[in-house]
Amino acid sequence: MAETLADRIRILLEDMSVDAVEQVVVDYVVRELHNGRRLNEILHDPYVRNRLSEERVAKMLDDPSIAEAVDQAVHESFEKREFGFGD
């Protein structure tokens, strides 16, 4: 069955809105990582869970800004010797 132009526009707009929500959550995760929180803890926040499905969270983790923030947090942990293994 062929999609109408209206269907195509609707799908495009839905995709754009999901991408915008995902970017807001990426910004939140990066900010919380810079505040010293653990990624696993942040990913279980209601703020994240209420906005993205499990699949979208997994996709979001591929974002380079999250990888950079995690790398920086790990680097800072080693500098401070605060590994958090016993917490």
PDB file of N, CA and C in Angstrom:
ATOM      1  N   MET A   1       0.844  -1.181   0.000  1.00  0.00           N
ATOM      2  CA  MET A   1       0.000   0.000   0.000  1.00  0.00           C
ATOM      3  C   MET A   1       0.891   1.246   0.000  1.00  0.00           C
ATOM      4  N   ALA A   2       0.631   2.122  -0.879  1.00  0.00           N
ATOM      5  CA  ALA A   2       1.446   3.323  -1.036  1.00  0.00           C
ATOM      6  C   ALA A   2       1.146   4.329   0.071  1.00  0.00           C
ATOM      7  N   GLU A   3       2.218   4.963   0.540  1.00  0.00           N
ATOM      8  CA  GLU A   3       2.061   6.004   1.553  1.00  0.00           C
ATOM      9  C   GLU A   3       1.678   7.310   0.867  1.00  0.00           C
ATOM     10  N   THR A   4       0.836   8.049   1.531  1.00  0.00           N
ATOM     11  CA  THR A   4       0.478   9.351   1.003  1.00  0.00           C
ATOM     12  C   THR A   4       1.542  10.361   1.418  1.00  0.00           C
ATOM     13  N   LEU A   5       1.503  11.498   0.801  1.00  0.00           N
ATOM     14  CA  LEU A   5       2.419  12.570   1.165  1.00  0.00           C
ATOM     15  C   LEU A   5       2.236  12.953   2.629  1.00  0.00           C
ATOM     16  N   ALA A   6       0.994  12.986   3.086  1.00  0.00           N
ATOM     17  CA  ALA A   6       0.710  13.322   4.485  1.00  0.00           C
ATOM     18  C   ALA A   6       1.353  12.303   5.426  1.00  0.00           C
ATOM     19  N   ASP A   7       1.303  11.005   5.053  1.00  0.00           N
ATOM     20  CA  ASP A   7       1.932   9.967   5.872  1.00  0.00           C
ATOM     21  C   ASP A   7       3.443  10.166   5.944  1.00  0.00           C
ATOM     22  N   ARG A   8       4.050  10.496   4.829  1.00  0.00           N
ATOM     23  CA  ARG A   8       5.496  10.715   4.790  1.00  0.00           C
ATOM     24  C   ARG A   8       5.899  11.915   5.644  1.00  0.00           C
ATOM     25  N   ILE A   9       5.110  12.973   5.554  1.00  0.00           N
ATOM     26  CA  ILE A   9       5.399  14.170   6.356  1.00  0.00           C
ATOM     27  C   ILE A   9       5.242  13.861   7.844  1.00  0.00           C
ATOM     28  N   ARG A  10       4.201  13.128   8.200  1.00  0.00           N
ATOM     29  CA  ARG A  10       3.971  12.754   9.592  1.00  0.00           C
ATOM     30  C   ARG A  10       5.152  11.942  10.128  1.00  0.00           C
ATOM     31  N   ILE A  11       5.612  10.974   9.365  1.00  0.00           N
ATOM     32  CA  ILE A  11       6.749  10.136   9.782  1.00  0.00           C
ATOM     33  C   ILE A  11       8.003  10.977   9.945  1.00  0.00           C
ATOM     34  N   LEU A  12       8.249  11.872   9.016  1.00  0.00           N
ATOM     35  CA  LEU A  12       9.407  12.754   9.090  1.00  0.00           C
ATOM     36  C   LEU A  12       9.363  13.606  10.355  1.00  0.00           C
ATOM     37  N   LEU A  13       8.209  14.185  10.645  1.00  0.00           N
ATOM     38  CA  LEU A  13       8.072  15.031  11.834  1.00  0.00           C
ATOM     39  C   LEU A  13       8.226  14.217  13.117  1.00  0.00           C
ATOM     40  N   GLU A  14       7.714  13.007  13.135  1.00  0.00           N
ATOM     41  CA  GLU A  14       7.872  12.136  14.307  1.00  0.00           C
ATOM     42  C   GLU A  14       9.350  11.809  14.526  1.00  0.00           C
ATOM     43  N   ASP A  15      10.062  11.498  13.455  1.00  0.00           N
ATOM     44  CA  ASP A  15      11.489  11.202  13.561  1.00  0.00           C
ATOM     45  C   ASP A  15      12.263  12.411  14.077  1.00  0.00           C
ATOM     46  N   MET A  16      11.911  13.581  13.596  1.00  0.00           N
ATOM     47  CA  MET A  16      12.594  14.794  14.042  1.00  0.00           C
ATOM     48  C   MET A  16      12.331  15.059  15.520  1.00  0.00           C
ATOM     49  N   SER A  17      11.109  14.825  15.993  1.00  0.00           N
ATOM     50  CA  SER A  17      10.793  15.076  17.392  1.00  0.00           C
ATOM     51  C   SER A  17      11.511  14.084  18.290  1.00  0.00           C
ATOM     52  N   VAL A  18      11.631  12.831  17.863  1.00  0.00           N
ATOM     53  CA  VAL A  18      12.363  11.832  18.644  1.00  0.00           C
ATOM     54  C   VAL A  18      13.831  12.226  18.729  1.00  0.00           C
ATOM     55  N   ASP A  19      14.410  12.685  17.621  1.00  0.00           N
ATOM     56  CA  ASP A  19      15.801  13.119  17.629  1.00  0.00           C
ATOM     57  C   ASP A  19      16.013  14.297  18.574  1.00  0.00           C
ATOM     58  N   ALA A  20      15.061  15.219  18.629  1.00  0.00           N
ATOM     59  CA  ALA A  20      15.168  16.373  19.520  1.00  0.00           C
ATOM     60  C   ALA A  20      15.106  15.926  20.975  1.00  0.00           C
ATOM     61  N   VAL A  21      14.219  15.012  21.295  1.00  0.00           N
ATOM     62  CA  VAL A  21      14.114  14.491  22.655  1.00  0.00           C
ATOM     63  C   VAL A  21      15.394  13.760  23.020  1.00  0.00           C
ATOM     64  N   GLU A  22      15.896  12.961  22.090  1.00  0.00           N
ATOM     65  CA  GLU A  22      17.136  12.227  22.337  1.00  0.00           C
ATOM     66  C   GLU A  22      18.284  13.188  22.630  1.00  0.00           C
ATOM     67  N   GLN A  23      18.374  14.282  21.905  1.00  0.00           N
ATOM     68  CA  GLN A  23      19.448  15.250  22.131  1.00  0.00           C
ATOM     69  C   GLN A  23      19.330  15.895  23.507  1.00  0.00           C
ATOM     70  N   VAL A  24      18.116  16.174  23.941  1.00  0.00           N
ATOM     71  CA  VAL A  24      17.910  16.748  25.277  1.00  0.00           C
ATOM     72  C   VAL A  24      18.386  15.761  26.342  1.00  0.00           C
ATOM     73  N   VAL A  25      18.100  14.488  26.149  1.00  0.00           N
ATOM     74  CA  VAL A  25      18.526  13.468  27.107  1.00  0.00           C
ATOM     75  C   VAL A  25      20.050  13.304  27.059  1.00  0.00           C
ATOM     76  N   VAL A  26      20.642  13.359  25.878  1.00  0.00           N
ATOM     77  CA  VAL A  26      22.107  13.303  25.765  1.00  0.00           C
ATOM     78  C   VAL A  26      22.725  14.445  26.571  1.00  0.00           C
ATOM     79  N   ASP A  27      22.200  15.642  26.416  1.00  0.00           N
ATOM     80  CA  ASP A  27      22.706  16.798  27.160  1.00  0.00           C
ATOM     81  C   ASP A  27      22.583  16.580  28.661  1.00  0.00           C
ATOM     82  N   TYR A  28      21.468  16.007  29.097  1.00  0.00           N
ATOM     83  CA  TYR A  28      21.248  15.709  30.514  1.00  0.00           C
ATOM     84  C   TYR A  28      22.283  14.704  31.017  1.00  0.00           C
ATOM     85  N   VAL A  29      22.486  13.628  30.266  1.00  0.00           N
ATOM     86  CA  VAL A  29      23.436  12.587  30.677  1.00  0.00           C
ATOM     87  C   VAL A  29      24.849  13.170  30.781  1.00  0.00           C
ATOM     88  N   VAL A  30      25.247  13.939  29.798  1.00  0.00           N
ATOM     89  CA  VAL A  30      26.579  14.552  29.814  1.00  0.00           C
ATOM     90  C   VAL A  30      26.724  15.478  31.021  1.00  0.00           C
ATOM     91  N   ARG A  31      25.716  16.291  31.265  1.00  0.00           N
ATOM     92  CA  ARG A  31      25.757  17.215  32.408  1.00  0.00           C
ATOM     93  C   ARG A  31      25.876  16.446  33.723  1.00  0.00           C
ATOM     94  N   GLU A  32      25.106  15.385  33.869  1.00  0.00           N
ATOM     95  CA  GLU A  32      25.144  14.596  35.103  1.00  0.00           C
ATOM     96  C   GLU A  32      26.483  13.873  35.256  1.00  0.00           C
ATOM     97  N   LEU A  33      27.061  13.409  34.160  1.00  0.00           N
ATOM     98  CA  LEU A  33      28.397  12.802  34.229  1.00  0.00           C
ATOM     99  C   LEU A  33      29.423  13.822  34.713  1.00  0.00           C
ATOM    100  N   HIS A  34      29.322  15.047  34.213  1.00  0.00           N
ATOM    101  CA  HIS A  34      30.242  16.103  34.643  1.00  0.00           C
ATOM    102  C   HIS A  34      30.019  16.471  36.106  1.00  0.00           C
ATOM    103  N   ASN A  35      28.821  16.196  36.627  1.00  0.00           N
ATOM    104  CA  ASN A  35      28.534  16.445  38.036  1.00  0.00           C
ATOM    105  C   ASN A  35      29.009  15.310  38.933  1.00  0.00           C
ATOM    106  N   GLY A  36      29.621  14.299  38.329  1.00  0.00           N
ATOM    107  CA  GLY A  36      30.212  13.220  39.113  1.00  0.00           C
ATOM    108  C   GLY A  36      29.339  11.995  39.310  1.00  0.00           C
ATOM    109  N   ARG A  37      28.197  11.948  38.677  1.00  0.00           N
ATOM    110  CA  ARG A  37      27.335  10.776  38.814  1.00  0.00           C
ATOM    111  C   ARG A  37      27.803   9.655  37.905  1.00  0.00           C
ATOM    112  N   ARG A  38      27.419   8.452  38.245  1.00  0.00           N
ATOM    113  CA  ARG A  38      27.768   7.271  37.449  1.00  0.00           C
ATOM    114  C   ARG A  38      26.758   7.086  36.323  1.00  0.00           C
ATOM    115  N   LEU A  39      27.269   6.623  35.186  1.00  0.00           N
ATOM    116  CA  LEU A  39      26.426   6.440  34.001  1.00  0.00           C
ATOM    117  C   LEU A  39      25.270   5.497  34.283  1.00  0.00           C
ATOM    118  N   ASN A  40      25.524   4.386  34.929  1.00  0.00           N
ATOM    119  CA  ASN A  40      24.471   3.415  35.218  1.00  0.00           C
ATOM    120  C   ASN A  40      23.354   4.041  36.043  1.00  0.00           C
ATOM    121  N   GLU A  41      23.721   4.853  37.002  1.00  0.00           N
ATOM    122  CA  GLU A  41      22.736   5.538  37.835  1.00  0.00           C
ATOM    123  C   GLU A  41      21.910   6.525  37.002  1.00  0.00           C
ATOM    124  N   ILE A  42      22.581   7.279  36.176  1.00  0.00           N
ATOM    125  CA  ILE A  42      21.906   8.284  35.342  1.00  0.00           C
ATOM    126  C   ILE A  42      20.911   7.616  34.390  1.00  0.00           C
ATOM    127  N   LEU A  43      21.316   6.498  33.795  1.00  0.00           N
ATOM    128  CA  LEU A  43      20.451   5.819  32.828  1.00  0.00           C
ATOM    129  C   LEU A  43      19.182   5.269  33.463  1.00  0.00           C
ATOM    130  N   HIS A  44      19.175   5.125  34.782  1.00  0.00           N
ATOM    131  CA  HIS A  44      17.978   4.647  35.476  1.00  0.00           C
ATOM    132  C   HIS A  44      17.129   5.789  36.042  1.00  0.00           C
ATOM    133  N   ASP A  45      17.548   7.021  35.822  1.00  0.00           N
ATOM    134  CA  ASP A  45      16.762   8.170  36.265  1.00  0.00           C
ATOM    135  C   ASP A  45      15.402   8.180  35.564  1.00  0.00           C
ATOM    136  N   PRO A  46      14.363   8.553  36.290  1.00  0.00           N
ATOM    137  CA  PRO A  46      13.053   8.692  35.640  1.00  0.00           C
ATOM    138  C   PRO A  46      13.087   9.669  34.464  1.00  0.00           C
ATOM    139  N   TYR A  47      13.921  10.693  34.558  1.00  0.00           N
ATOM    140  CA  TYR A  47      14.030  11.662  33.467  1.00  0.00           C
ATOM    141  C   TYR A  47      14.395  10.966  32.157  1.00  0.00           C
ATOM    142  N   VAL A  48      15.322  10.035  32.223  1.00  0.00           N
ATOM    143  CA  VAL A  48      15.761   9.298  31.029  1.00  0.00           C
ATOM    144  C   VAL A  48      14.707   8.270  30.639  1.00  0.00           C
ATOM    145  N   ARG A  49      14.257   7.493  31.605  1.00  0.00           N
ATOM    146  CA  ARG A  49      13.317   6.394  31.344  1.00  0.00           C
ATOM    147  C   ARG A  49      11.974   6.873  30.802  1.00  0.00           C
ATOM    148  N   ASN A  50      11.553   8.051  31.215  1.00  0.00           N
ATOM    149  CA  ASN A  50      10.256   8.567  30.759  1.00  0.00           C
ATOM    150  C   ASN A  50      10.317   9.163  29.358  1.00  0.00           C
ATOM    151  N   ARG A  51      11.518   9.358  28.847  1.00  0.00           N
ATOM    152  CA  ARG A  51      11.641  10.006  27.544  1.00  0.00           C
ATOM    153  C   ARG A  51      12.107   9.081  26.427  1.00  0.00           C
ATOM    154  N   LEU A  52      12.846   8.028  26.787  1.00  0.00           N
ATOM    155  CA  LEU A  52      13.401   7.148  25.757  1.00  0.00           C
ATOM    156  C   LEU A  52      13.137   5.685  26.073  1.00  0.00           C
ATOM    157  N   SER A  53      12.876   4.913  25.045  1.00  0.00           N
ATOM    158  CA  SER A  53      12.735   3.467  25.196  1.00  0.00           C
ATOM    159  C   SER A  53      14.125   2.861  25.409  1.00  0.00           C
ATOM    160  N   GLU A  54      14.147   1.595  25.781  1.00  0.00           N
ATOM    161  CA  GLU A  54      15.422   0.884  25.954  1.00  0.00           C
ATOM    162  C   GLU A  54      16.255   0.946  24.675  1.00  0.00           C
ATOM    163  N   GLU A  55      15.583   0.788  23.536  1.00  0.00           N
ATOM    164  CA  GLU A  55      16.291   0.810  22.259  1.00  0.00           C
ATOM    165  C   GLU A  55      16.890   2.185  21.987  1.00  0.00           C
ATOM    166  N   ARG A  56      16.145   3.234  22.314  1.00  0.00           N
ATOM    167  CA  ARG A  56      16.650   4.601  22.088  1.00  0.00           C
ATOM    168  C   ARG A  56      17.788   4.926  23.049  1.00  0.00           C
ATOM    169  N   VAL A  57      17.721   4.404  24.274  1.00  0.00           N
ATOM    170  CA  VAL A  57      18.823   4.608  25.228  1.00  0.00           C
ATOM    171  C   VAL A  57      20.080   3.958  24.677  1.00  0.00           C
ATOM    172  N   ALA A  58      19.957   2.745  24.178  1.00  0.00           N
ATOM    173  CA  ALA A  58      21.116   2.048  23.607  1.00  0.00           C
ATOM    174  C   ALA A  58      21.686   2.829  22.427  1.00  0.00           C
ATOM    175  N   LYS A  59      20.825   3.359  21.583  1.00  0.00           N
ATOM    176  CA  LYS A  59      21.285   4.163  20.442  1.00  0.00           C
ATOM    177  C   LYS A  59      21.950   5.447  20.918  1.00  0.00           C
ATOM    178  N   MET A  60      21.382   6.058  21.951  1.00  0.00           N
ATOM    179  CA  MET A  60      21.915   7.305  22.486  1.00  0.00           C
ATOM    180  C   MET A  60      23.347   7.126  23.002  1.00  0.00           C
ATOM    181  N   LEU A  61      23.650   5.949  23.512  1.00  0.00           N
ATOM    182  CA  LEU A  61      24.983   5.708  24.069  1.00  0.00           C
ATOM    183  C   LEU A  61      26.084   5.753  23.011  1.00  0.00           C
ATOM    184  N   ASP A  62      25.702   5.703  21.747  1.00  0.00           N
ATOM    185  CA  ASP A  62      26.674   5.834  20.657  1.00  0.00           C
ATOM    186  C   ASP A  62      27.059   7.282  20.395  1.00  0.00           C
ATOM    187  N   ASP A  63      26.371   8.218  21.053  1.00  0.00           N
ATOM    188  CA  ASP A  63      26.643   9.636  20.826  1.00  0.00           C
ATOM    189  C   ASP A  63      28.060   9.976  21.294  1.00  0.00           C
ATOM    190  N   PRO A  64      28.847  10.627  20.452  1.00  0.00           N
ATOM    191  CA  PRO A  64      30.246  10.951  20.805  1.00  0.00           C
ATOM    192  C   PRO A  64      30.384  11.824  22.058  1.00  0.00           C
ATOM    193  N   SER A  65      29.422  12.685  22.331  1.00  0.00           N
ATOM    194  CA  SER A  65      29.546  13.539  23.511  1.00  0.00           C
ATOM    195  C   SER A  65      29.418  12.726  24.794  1.00  0.00           C
ATOM    196  N   ILE A  66      28.643  11.653  24.771  1.00  0.00           N
ATOM    197  CA  ILE A  66      28.550  10.787  25.945  1.00  0.00           C
ATOM    198  C   ILE A  66      29.851  10.018  26.116  1.00  0.00           C
ATOM    199  N   ALA A  67      30.384   9.485  25.032  1.00  0.00           N
ATOM    200  CA  ALA A  67      31.657   8.767  25.114  1.00  0.00           C
ATOM    201  C   ALA A  67      32.757   9.673  25.653  1.00  0.00           C
ATOM    202  N   GLU A  68      32.790  10.905  25.201  1.00  0.00           N
ATOM    203  CA  GLU A  68      33.791  11.860  25.673  1.00  0.00           C
ATOM    204  C   GLU A  68      33.613  12.155  27.163  1.00  0.00           C
ATOM    205  N   ALA A  69      32.375  12.342  27.606  1.00  0.00           N
ATOM    206  CA  ALA A  69      32.112  12.626  29.021  1.00  0.00           C
ATOM    207  C   ALA A  69      32.473  11.431  29.896  1.00  0.00           C
ATOM    208  N   VAL A  70      32.182  10.212  29.432  1.00  0.00           N
ATOM    209  CA  VAL A  70      32.553   9.006  30.184  1.00  0.00           C
ATOM    210  C   VAL A  70      34.070   8.896  30.261  1.00  0.00           C
ATOM    211  N   ASP A  71      34.740   9.135  29.144  1.00  0.00           N
ATOM    212  CA  ASP A  71      36.199   9.079  29.120  1.00  0.00           C
ATOM    213  C   ASP A  71      36.792  10.088  30.101  1.00  0.00           C
ATOM    214  N   GLN A  72      36.251  11.274  30.113  1.00  0.00           N
ATOM    215  CA  GLN A  72      36.742  12.304  31.031  1.00  0.00           C
ATOM    216  C   GLN A  72      36.495  11.897  32.486  1.00  0.00           C
ATOM    217  N   ALA A  73      35.330  11.328  32.788  1.00  0.00           N
ATOM    218  CA  ALA A  73      35.015  10.889  34.147  1.00  0.00           C
ATOM    219  C   ALA A  73      35.961   9.787  34.603  1.00  0.00           C
ATOM    220  N   VAL A  74      36.266   8.854  33.710  1.00  0.00           N
ATOM    221  CA  VAL A  74      37.205   7.776  34.043  1.00  0.00           C
ATOM    222  C   VAL A  74      38.588   8.359  34.296  1.00  0.00           C
ATOM    223  N   HIS A  75      39.011   9.262  33.435  1.00  0.00           N
ATOM    224  CA  HIS A  75      40.320   9.904  33.590  1.00  0.00           C
ATOM    225  C   HIS A  75      40.410  10.633  34.937  1.00  0.00           C
ATOM    226  N   GLU A  76      39.367  11.386  35.282  1.00  0.00           N
ATOM    227  CA  GLU A  76      39.358  12.111  36.554  1.00  0.00           C
ATOM    228  C   GLU A  76      39.362  11.161  37.741  1.00  0.00           C
ATOM    229  N   SER A  77      38.650  10.037  37.624  1.00  0.00           N
ATOM    230  CA  SER A  77      38.639   9.041  38.700  1.00  0.00           C
ATOM    231  C   SER A  77      40.034   8.495  38.954  1.00  0.00           C
ATOM    232  N   PHE A  78      40.763   8.225  37.875  1.00  0.00           N
ATOM    233  CA  PHE A  78      42.119   7.713  38.046  1.00  0.00           C
ATOM    234  C   PHE A  78      43.043   8.775  38.622  1.00  0.00           C
ATOM    235  N   GLU A  79      42.841  10.019  38.228  1.00  0.00           N
ATOM    236  CA  GLU A  79      43.665  11.088  38.790  1.00  0.00           C
ATOM    237  C   GLU A  79      43.417  11.246  40.282  1.00  0.00           C
ATOM    238  N   LYS A  80      42.178  11.133  40.707  1.00  0.00           N
ATOM    239  CA  LYS A  80      41.811  11.281  42.117  1.00  0.00           C
ATOM    240  C   LYS A  80      41.912   9.966  42.881  1.00  0.00           C
ATOM    241  N   ARG A  81      42.072   8.886  42.145  1.00  0.00           N
ATOM    242  CA  ARG A  81      42.072   7.541  42.708  1.00  0.00           C
ATOM    243  C   ARG A  81      40.754   7.241  43.423  1.00  0.00           C
ATOM    244  N   GLU A  82      39.682   7.724  42.841  1.00  0.00           N
ATOM    245  CA  GLU A  82      38.333   7.473  43.333  1.00  0.00           C
ATOM    246  C   GLU A  82      37.638   6.554  42.339  1.00  0.00           C
ATOM    247  N   PHE A  83      37.884   5.275  42.484  1.00  0.00           N
ATOM    248  CA  PHE A  83      37.380   4.319  41.499  1.00  0.00           C
ATOM    249  C   PHE A  83      35.954   3.884  41.780  1.00  0.00           C
ATOM    250  N   GLY A  84      35.496   3.973  43.014  1.00  0.00           N
ATOM    251  CA  GLY A  84      34.108   3.638  43.335  1.00  0.00           C
ATOM    252  C   GLY A  84      33.776   2.167  43.275  1.00  0.00           C
ATOM    253  N   PHE A  85      34.783   1.299  43.337  1.00  0.00           N
ATOM    254  CA  PHE A  85      34.488  -0.128  43.262  1.00  0.00           C
ATOM    255  C   PHE A  85      33.773  -0.632  44.501  1.00  0.00           C
ATOM    256  N   GLY A  86      34.016  -0.027  45.640  1.00  0.00           N
ATOM    257  CA  GLY A  86      33.429  -0.510  46.877  1.00  0.00           C
ATOM    258  C   GLY A  86      32.092   0.119  47.212  1.00  0.00           C
ATOM    259  N   ASP A  87      31.632   1.031  46.381  1.00  0.00           N
ATOM    260  CA  ASP A  87      30.385   1.754  46.690  1.00  0.00           C
ATOM    261  C   ASP A  87      29.173   0.948  46.337  1.00  0.00           C
TER     262      ASP A  87
END
